[in-house]
Amino acid sequence: MVLLEIADLEVRYGSALVLDAISLNVEAGQLVGVLGPNGAGKSTLLKAISRTVSPASGRIVFNGLPLDGLSADKVVGRGICHCPEGRRLFPELSVFKNLMLGAYLRSDREGVSRDLDKVHSLFPVLKERAGQQASTLSGGEQQMLAIGRALMGAPTLLLLDEPSIGIAQRLKVEIFNSIRAIQRAGTAVLLVEQDARSTLAIAEQVYVLEHGRVVRHGNARELADDDEIRRIYLGV
């Protein structure tokens, strides 16, 4: 079943065309990767879905309902949570308070408590450091906190923007394993990344963006074996 359907999406920043007739689907429970160079429009795509930027034209349908005209908080209420590039944490607040801010729209206390337990199970360091300021965490731990905060919104679809940027290799492996675990637990994931190797290893479908357009799309395993993809994105 198609969970997210994007058709002919166009986004402009002033007169600059950033996304040009983008079409993309994410099925329920699926992990979809989006690859491409800097400036390809990958982050803008996620911002358009989460309504932090407004599309100029095109259609975004989630769970059978259009997102047209919705504010960002209403999109969260529909079940889409966005973990942005740069983490956007509240550095002076504790790890626990940052996590709870992800559940600010929820009133189901028991559900929030269960999801907090799930986040702690996924990222045990966040439980160990619950009382610490977010600013005291390492870069990788801050990324775990940002993902955990998004999960506290109980998303049906999790939007992840460059979760591997600026973190040590050991923690990068842990984070990609966690992303796979999130998807296997039933949450659909749309993952924007520059780490093509790791993305192709965990995604089911992959879209390649260049200059605001989809230039390739297909099964991740097939793309990983494609000579052009290997040359451009894997360096082999």
C-alpha atoms as a PDB file:
ATOM      1  CA  MET A   1       0.000   0.000   0.000  1.00  0.00           C
ATOM      2  CA  VAL A   2       1.325   3.444  -0.945  1.00  0.00           C
ATOM      3  CA  LEU A   3       1.726   5.580   2.176  1.00  0.00           C
ATOM      4  CA  LEU A   4       3.278   8.698   0.635  1.00  0.00           C
ATOM      5  CA  GLU A   5       2.657   9.735  -2.960  1.00  0.00           C
ATOM      6  CA  ILE A   6       4.412  12.733  -4.481  1.00  0.00           C
ATOM      7  CA  ALA A   7       3.544  13.771  -8.025  1.00  0.00           C
ATOM      8  CA  ASP A   8       5.060  16.559 -10.141  1.00  0.00           C
ATOM      9  CA  LEU A   9       6.325  18.465  -7.099  1.00  0.00           C
ATOM     10  CA  GLU A  10       7.858  21.843  -7.799  1.00  0.00           C
ATOM     11  CA  VAL A  11       9.514  24.059  -5.193  1.00  0.00           C
ATOM     12  CA  ARG A  12      11.003  27.497  -5.791  1.00  0.00           C
ATOM     13  CA  TYR A  13      13.081  29.773  -3.604  1.00  0.00           C
ATOM     14  CA  GLY A  14      12.195  33.109  -5.129  1.00  0.00           C
ATOM     15  CA  SER A  15      12.843  32.738  -8.842  1.00  0.00           C
ATOM     16  CA  ALA A  16      15.175  29.746  -8.380  1.00  0.00           C
ATOM     17  CA  LEU A  17      13.682  26.365  -9.289  1.00  0.00           C
ATOM     18  CA  VAL A  18      14.889  23.900  -6.616  1.00  0.00           C
ATOM     19  CA  LEU A  19      12.649  20.869  -7.256  1.00  0.00           C
ATOM     20  CA  ASP A  20      11.427  20.255 -10.774  1.00  0.00           C
ATOM     21  CA  ALA A  21       8.523  17.832 -11.330  1.00  0.00           C
ATOM     22  CA  ILE A  22       9.580  15.368  -8.613  1.00  0.00           C
ATOM     23  CA  SER A  23       7.530  12.173  -8.335  1.00  0.00           C
ATOM     24  CA  LEU A  24       8.213   9.649  -5.572  1.00  0.00           C
ATOM     25  CA  ASN A  25       6.385   6.954  -3.607  1.00  0.00           C
ATOM     26  CA  VAL A  26       6.947   5.384  -0.196  1.00  0.00           C
ATOM     27  CA  GLU A  27       4.978   2.299   0.725  1.00  0.00           C
ATOM     28  CA  ALA A  28       3.813   1.537   4.247  1.00  0.00           C
ATOM     29  CA  GLY A  29       6.715   0.231   6.331  1.00  0.00           C
ATOM     30  CA  GLN A  30       9.239   0.783   3.533  1.00  0.00           C
ATOM     31  CA  LEU A  31      12.735   2.296   3.769  1.00  0.00           C
ATOM     32  CA  VAL A  32      13.398   4.556   0.782  1.00  0.00           C
ATOM     33  CA  GLY A  33      16.699   6.340   0.186  1.00  0.00           C
ATOM     34  CA  VAL A  34      17.336   9.606  -1.648  1.00  0.00           C
ATOM     35  CA  LEU A  35      20.864  10.176  -2.939  1.00  0.00           C
ATOM     36  CA  GLY A  36      22.453  13.065  -4.773  1.00  0.00           C
ATOM     37  CA  PRO A  37      25.159  15.729  -4.594  1.00  0.00           C
ATOM     38  CA  ASN A  38      24.985  18.914  -2.541  1.00  0.00           C
ATOM     39  CA  GLY A  39      22.441  21.290  -4.008  1.00  0.00           C
ATOM     40  CA  ALA A  40      20.399  18.539  -5.651  1.00  0.00           C
ATOM     41  CA  GLY A  41      17.289  19.442  -3.637  1.00  0.00           C
ATOM     42  CA  LYS A  42      17.274  16.508  -1.222  1.00  0.00           C
ATOM     43  CA  SER A  43      16.693  18.533   1.956  1.00  0.00           C
ATOM     44  CA  THR A  44      14.125  20.709   0.203  1.00  0.00           C
ATOM     45  CA  LEU A  45      12.181  17.574  -0.686  1.00  0.00           C
ATOM     46  CA  LEU A  46      11.838  16.656   3.000  1.00  0.00           C
ATOM     47  CA  LYS A  47      10.966  20.235   3.930  1.00  0.00           C
ATOM     48  CA  ALA A  48       8.192  20.249   1.338  1.00  0.00           C
ATOM     49  CA  ILE A  49       6.745  17.038   2.775  1.00  0.00           C
ATOM     50  CA  SER A  50       6.868  18.366   6.353  1.00  0.00           C
ATOM     51  CA  ARG A  51       5.488  21.733   5.144  1.00  0.00           C
ATOM     52  CA  THR A  52       8.374  23.840   6.410  1.00  0.00           C
ATOM     53  CA  VAL A  53       8.551  25.109   2.832  1.00  0.00           C
ATOM     54  CA  SER A  54       5.555  25.540   0.546  1.00  0.00           C
ATOM     55  CA  PRO A  55       5.528  23.859  -2.866  1.00  0.00           C
ATOM     56  CA  ALA A  56       4.796  25.976  -5.927  1.00  0.00           C
ATOM     57  CA  SER A  57       2.846  23.126  -7.508  1.00  0.00           C
ATOM     58  CA  GLY A  58       2.364  19.386  -7.474  1.00  0.00           C
ATOM     59  CA  ARG A  59       0.661  16.930  -5.174  1.00  0.00           C
ATOM     60  CA  ILE A  60       1.671  15.336  -1.856  1.00  0.00           C
ATOM     61  CA  VAL A  61      -0.740  12.701  -0.549  1.00  0.00           C
ATOM     62  CA  PHE A  62      -0.193  10.897   2.750  1.00  0.00           C
ATOM     63  CA  ASN A  63      -2.352   8.011   3.904  1.00  0.00           C
ATOM     64  CA  GLY A  64      -4.812   8.859   1.162  1.00  0.00           C
ATOM     65  CA  LEU A  65      -5.214  12.502   2.180  1.00  0.00           C
ATOM     66  CA  PRO A  66      -3.564  15.560   0.576  1.00  0.00           C
ATOM     67  CA  LEU A  67      -1.217  17.686   2.687  1.00  0.00           C
ATOM     68  CA  ASP A  68      -2.165  20.855   0.818  1.00  0.00           C
ATOM     69  CA  GLY A  69      -2.494  23.890   3.069  1.00  0.00           C
ATOM     70  CA  LEU A  70      -1.518  22.100   6.283  1.00  0.00           C
ATOM     71  CA  SER A  71       0.823  23.731   8.792  1.00  0.00           C
ATOM     72  CA  ALA A  72       3.925  21.859   9.951  1.00  0.00           C
ATOM     73  CA  ASP A  73       2.351  20.885  13.289  1.00  0.00           C
ATOM     74  CA  LYS A  74      -0.710  19.476  11.521  1.00  0.00           C
ATOM     75  CA  VAL A  75       1.583  17.331   9.374  1.00  0.00           C
ATOM     76  CA  VAL A  76       3.176  15.949  12.552  1.00  0.00           C
ATOM     77  CA  GLY A  77      -0.330  15.212  13.813  1.00  0.00           C
ATOM     78  CA  ARG A  78      -0.985  13.230  10.645  1.00  0.00           C
ATOM     79  CA  GLY A  79       1.974  10.967  11.435  1.00  0.00           C
ATOM     80  CA  ILE A  80       4.994  12.491   9.646  1.00  0.00           C
ATOM     81  CA  CYS A  81       7.994  13.435  11.797  1.00  0.00           C
ATOM     82  CA  HIS A  82      11.030  15.203  10.344  1.00  0.00           C
ATOM     83  CA  CYS A  83      14.532  14.807  11.790  1.00  0.00           C
ATOM     84  CA  PRO A  84      16.313  17.704  10.043  1.00  0.00           C
ATOM     85  CA  GLU A  85      19.892  18.126   8.974  1.00  0.00           C
ATOM     86  CA  GLY A  86      21.926  19.688  11.783  1.00  0.00           C
ATOM     87  CA  ARG A  87      19.811  17.979  14.504  1.00  0.00           C
ATOM     88  CA  ARG A  88      18.204  21.250  15.745  1.00  0.00           C
ATOM     89  CA  LEU A  89      18.302  20.201  19.386  1.00  0.00           C
ATOM     90  CA  PHE A  90      17.753  22.472  22.382  1.00  0.00           C
ATOM     91  CA  PRO A  91      21.342  22.379  23.674  1.00  0.00           C
ATOM     92  CA  GLU A  92      20.686  23.794  27.152  1.00  0.00           C
ATOM     93  CA  LEU A  93      17.819  21.405  27.866  1.00  0.00           C
ATOM     94  CA  SER A  94      18.360  17.901  29.183  1.00  0.00           C
ATOM     95  CA  VAL A  95      18.331  14.822  27.013  1.00  0.00           C
ATOM     96  CA  PHE A  96      15.023  13.804  28.600  1.00  0.00           C
ATOM     97  CA  LYS A  97      13.373  17.175  27.948  1.00  0.00           C
ATOM     98  CA  ASN A  98      14.526  17.156  24.326  1.00  0.00           C
ATOM     99  CA  LEU A  99      12.936  13.745  23.896  1.00  0.00           C
ATOM    100  CA  MET A 100       9.683  14.825  25.505  1.00  0.00           C
ATOM    101  CA  LEU A 101       9.446  17.836  23.198  1.00  0.00           C
ATOM    102  CA  GLY A 102       9.000  15.316  20.397  1.00  0.00           C
ATOM    103  CA  ALA A 103       5.743  14.215  22.034  1.00  0.00           C
ATOM    104  CA  TYR A 104       4.357  17.713  22.575  1.00  0.00           C
ATOM    105  CA  LEU A 105       1.249  17.067  20.439  1.00  0.00           C
ATOM    106  CA  ARG A 106       0.383  13.818  22.201  1.00  0.00           C
ATOM    107  CA  SER A 107      -2.008  13.343  25.095  1.00  0.00           C
ATOM    108  CA  ASP A 108      -1.715   9.536  25.406  1.00  0.00           C
ATOM    109  CA  ARG A 109       0.553   9.329  28.456  1.00  0.00           C
ATOM    110  CA  GLU A 110       0.814   5.548  28.431  1.00  0.00           C
ATOM    111  CA  GLY A 111       1.738   5.584  24.751  1.00  0.00           C
ATOM    112  CA  VAL A 112       4.353   8.274  25.336  1.00  0.00           C
ATOM    113  CA  SER A 113       5.844   6.221  28.168  1.00  0.00           C
ATOM    114  CA  ARG A 114       5.981   3.118  25.964  1.00  0.00           C
ATOM    115  CA  ASP A 115       7.643   5.054  23.153  1.00  0.00           C
ATOM    116  CA  LEU A 116      10.191   6.514  25.563  1.00  0.00           C
ATOM    117  CA  ASP A 117      11.064   2.955  26.597  1.00  0.00           C
ATOM    118  CA  LYS A 118      11.429   2.029  22.918  1.00  0.00           C
ATOM    119  CA  VAL A 119      13.773   4.971  22.279  1.00  0.00           C
ATOM    120  CA  HIS A 120      15.847   4.024  25.324  1.00  0.00           C
ATOM    121  CA  SER A 121      16.018   0.437  24.066  1.00  0.00           C
ATOM    122  CA  LEU A 122      17.151   1.640  20.642  1.00  0.00           C
ATOM    123  CA  PHE A 123      19.637   4.167  22.046  1.00  0.00           C
ATOM    124  CA  PRO A 124      20.601   3.113  25.619  1.00  0.00           C
ATOM    125  CA  VAL A 125      22.997   6.053  25.992  1.00  0.00           C
ATOM    126  CA  LEU A 126      20.003   8.420  26.008  1.00  0.00           C
ATOM    127  CA  LYS A 127      18.654   6.728  29.131  1.00  0.00           C
ATOM    128  CA  GLU A 128      22.066   6.770  30.782  1.00  0.00           C
ATOM    129  CA  ARG A 129      22.420  10.510  30.125  1.00  0.00           C
ATOM    130  CA  ALA A 130      18.796  11.563  30.557  1.00  0.00           C
ATOM    131  CA  GLY A 131      19.662  14.397  32.956  1.00  0.00           C
ATOM    132  CA  GLN A 132      22.612  15.781  30.995  1.00  0.00           C
ATOM    133  CA  GLN A 133      22.385  18.849  28.806  1.00  0.00           C
ATOM    134  CA  ALA A 134      22.107  17.913  25.148  1.00  0.00           C
ATOM    135  CA  SER A 135      25.149  20.066  24.395  1.00  0.00           C
ATOM    136  CA  THR A 136      27.379  17.695  26.399  1.00  0.00           C
ATOM    137  CA  LEU A 137      26.718  14.744  24.082  1.00  0.00           C
ATOM    138  CA  SER A 138      29.053  13.749  21.261  1.00  0.00           C
ATOM    139  CA  GLY A 139      27.989  14.412  17.692  1.00  0.00           C
ATOM    140  CA  GLY A 140      26.828  10.842  17.213  1.00  0.00           C
ATOM    141  CA  GLU A 141      24.922  10.849  20.487  1.00  0.00           C
ATOM    142  CA  GLN A 142      23.247  14.128  19.525  1.00  0.00           C
ATOM    143  CA  GLN A 143      22.135  12.512  16.274  1.00  0.00           C
ATOM    144  CA  MET A 144      20.660   9.632  18.265  1.00  0.00           C
ATOM    145  CA  LEU A 145      18.816  12.183  20.384  1.00  0.00           C
ATOM    146  CA  ALA A 146      17.466  13.946  17.302  1.00  0.00           C
ATOM    147  CA  ILE A 147      16.180  10.663  15.878  1.00  0.00           C
ATOM    148  CA  GLY A 148      14.772   9.670  19.266  1.00  0.00           C
ATOM    149  CA  ARG A 149      12.950  12.995  19.566  1.00  0.00           C
ATOM    150  CA  ALA A 150      11.335  12.425  16.157  1.00  0.00           C
ATOM    151  CA  LEU A 151      10.286   8.919  17.192  1.00  0.00           C
ATOM    152  CA  MET A 152       8.553  10.352  20.261  1.00  0.00           C
ATOM    153  CA  GLY A 153       6.026  11.836  17.859  1.00  0.00           C
ATOM    154  CA  ALA A 154       4.934   8.251  17.028  1.00  0.00           C
ATOM    155  CA  PRO A 155       5.429   8.673  13.278  1.00  0.00           C
ATOM    156  CA  THR A 156       4.026   6.458  10.584  1.00  0.00           C
ATOM    157  CA  LEU A 157       6.637   8.047   8.315  1.00  0.00           C
ATOM    158  CA  LEU A 158      10.033   9.234   9.572  1.00  0.00           C
ATOM    159  CA  LEU A 159      11.930  11.771   7.453  1.00  0.00           C
ATOM    160  CA  LEU A 160      15.693  11.619   8.093  1.00  0.00           C
ATOM    161  CA  ASP A 161      17.999  14.274   6.645  1.00  0.00           C
ATOM    162  CA  GLU A 162      21.714  13.395   6.506  1.00  0.00           C
ATOM    163  CA  PRO A 163      21.910  11.517   9.842  1.00  0.00           C
ATOM    164  CA  SER A 164      25.523  10.445   9.223  1.00  0.00           C
ATOM    165  CA  ILE A 165      27.055  13.912   8.777  1.00  0.00           C
ATOM    166  CA  GLY A 166      29.925  14.762  11.115  1.00  0.00           C
ATOM    167  CA  ILE A 167      29.935  11.630  13.262  1.00  0.00           C
ATOM    168  CA  ALA A 168      32.539   8.953  13.914  1.00  0.00           C
ATOM    169  CA  GLN A 169      32.448   5.780  11.823  1.00  0.00           C
ATOM    170  CA  ARG A 170      31.628   3.539  14.794  1.00  0.00           C
ATOM    171  CA  LEU A 171      28.563   5.586  15.703  1.00  0.00           C
ATOM    172  CA  LYS A 172      27.611   5.943  12.039  1.00  0.00           C
ATOM    173  CA  VAL A 173      27.346   2.155  11.780  1.00  0.00           C
ATOM    174  CA  GLU A 174      25.232   2.098  14.939  1.00  0.00           C
ATOM    175  CA  ILE A 175      22.909   4.785  13.601  1.00  0.00           C
ATOM    176  CA  PHE A 176      22.371   3.031  10.266  1.00  0.00           C
ATOM    177  CA  ASN A 177      21.655  -0.209  12.137  1.00  0.00           C
ATOM    178  CA  SER A 178      19.127   1.708  14.235  1.00  0.00           C
ATOM    179  CA  ILE A 179      17.453   3.126  11.125  1.00  0.00           C
ATOM    180  CA  ARG A 180      17.056  -0.391   9.795  1.00  0.00           C
ATOM    181  CA  ALA A 181      15.607  -1.474  13.162  1.00  0.00           C
ATOM    182  CA  ILE A 182      13.103   1.418  13.104  1.00  0.00           C
ATOM    183  CA  GLN A 183      11.893   0.346   9.676  1.00  0.00           C
ATOM    184  CA  ARG A 184      11.706  -3.319  10.642  1.00  0.00           C
ATOM    185  CA  ALA A 185       9.539  -2.342  13.621  1.00  0.00           C
ATOM    186  CA  GLY A 186       6.978  -0.942  11.176  1.00  0.00           C
ATOM    187  CA  THR A 187       7.795   2.741  10.659  1.00  0.00           C
ATOM    188  CA  ALA A 188       8.312   3.836   7.058  1.00  0.00           C
ATOM    189  CA  VAL A 189      11.510   5.843   6.542  1.00  0.00           C
ATOM    190  CA  LEU A 190      12.469   8.345   3.847  1.00  0.00           C
ATOM    191  CA  LEU A 191      16.226   8.751   4.215  1.00  0.00           C
ATOM    192  CA  VAL A 192      18.197  11.564   2.570  1.00  0.00           C
ATOM    193  CA  GLU A 193      21.918  10.814   2.597  1.00  0.00           C
ATOM    194  CA  GLN A 194      25.269  11.441   0.963  1.00  0.00           C
ATOM    195  CA  ASP A 195      26.663   8.158   2.299  1.00  0.00           C
ATOM    196  CA  ALA A 196      25.577   6.154  -0.729  1.00  0.00           C
ATOM    197  CA  ARG A 197      27.207   2.908   0.363  1.00  0.00           C
ATOM    198  CA  SER A 198      25.370   2.752   3.696  1.00  0.00           C
ATOM    199  CA  THR A 199      22.092   3.897   2.155  1.00  0.00           C
ATOM    200  CA  LEU A 200      22.175   1.312  -0.616  1.00  0.00           C
ATOM    201  CA  ALA A 201      22.899  -1.350   2.021  1.00  0.00           C
ATOM    202  CA  ILE A 202      19.729  -0.706   4.052  1.00  0.00           C
ATOM    203  CA  ALA A 203      17.185   0.856   1.657  1.00  0.00           C
ATOM    204  CA  GLU A 204      14.692  -1.054  -0.457  1.00  0.00           C
ATOM    205  CA  GLN A 205      14.130   1.598  -3.108  1.00  0.00           C
ATOM    206  CA  VAL A 206      16.424   4.503  -3.984  1.00  0.00           C
ATOM    207  CA  TYR A 207      15.865   7.756  -5.863  1.00  0.00           C
ATOM    208  CA  VAL A 208      18.811   9.727  -7.236  1.00  0.00           C
ATOM    209  CA  LEU A 209      18.386  13.503  -7.497  1.00  0.00           C
ATOM    210  CA  GLU A 210      20.463  15.867  -9.597  1.00  0.00           C
ATOM    211  CA  HIS A 211      19.664  19.541 -10.187  1.00  0.00           C
ATOM    212  CA  GLY A 212      16.233  19.145  -8.618  1.00  0.00           C
ATOM    213  CA  ARG A 213      15.110  16.228 -10.780  1.00  0.00           C
ATOM    214  CA  VAL A 214      14.891  12.467 -10.308  1.00  0.00           C
ATOM    215  CA  VAL A 215      17.492  11.034 -12.687  1.00  0.00           C
ATOM    216  CA  ARG A 216      17.471   7.424 -11.468  1.00  0.00           C
ATOM    217  CA  HIS A 217      15.084   5.265  -9.462  1.00  0.00           C
ATOM    218  CA  GLY A 218      15.061   1.600  -8.676  1.00  0.00           C
ATOM    219  CA  ASN A 219      15.727  -1.308  -6.366  1.00  0.00           C
ATOM    220  CA  ALA A 220      18.648  -0.538  -4.063  1.00  0.00           C
ATOM    221  CA  ARG A 221      20.448  -3.809  -4.770  1.00  0.00           C
ATOM    222  CA  GLU A 222      20.183  -3.315  -8.517  1.00  0.00           C
ATOM    223  CA  LEU A 223      21.440   0.269  -8.286  1.00  0.00           C
ATOM    224  CA  ALA A 224      24.337  -0.852  -6.087  1.00  0.00           C
ATOM    225  CA  ASP A 225      25.448  -3.093  -8.952  1.00  0.00           C
ATOM    226  CA  ASP A 226      24.973  -0.408 -11.610  1.00  0.00           C
ATOM    227  CA  ASP A 227      28.314   0.668 -13.095  1.00  0.00           C
ATOM    228  CA  GLU A 228      27.423   4.363 -13.259  1.00  0.00           C
ATOM    229  CA  ILE A 229      26.134   4.480  -9.687  1.00  0.00           C
ATOM    230  CA  ARG A 230      29.207   2.606  -8.478  1.00  0.00           C
ATOM    231  CA  ARG A 231      31.516   5.021 -10.287  1.00  0.00           C
ATOM    232  CA  ILE A 232      29.816   8.249  -9.231  1.00  0.00           C
ATOM    233  CA  TYR A 233      28.582   7.436  -5.735  1.00  0.00           C
ATOM    234  CA  LEU A 234      30.697   4.519  -4.533  1.00  0.00           C
ATOM    235  CA  GLY A 235      34.014   5.485  -6.106  1.00  0.00           C
ATOM    236  CA  VAL A 236      34.614   2.019  -7.600  1.00  0.00           C
END
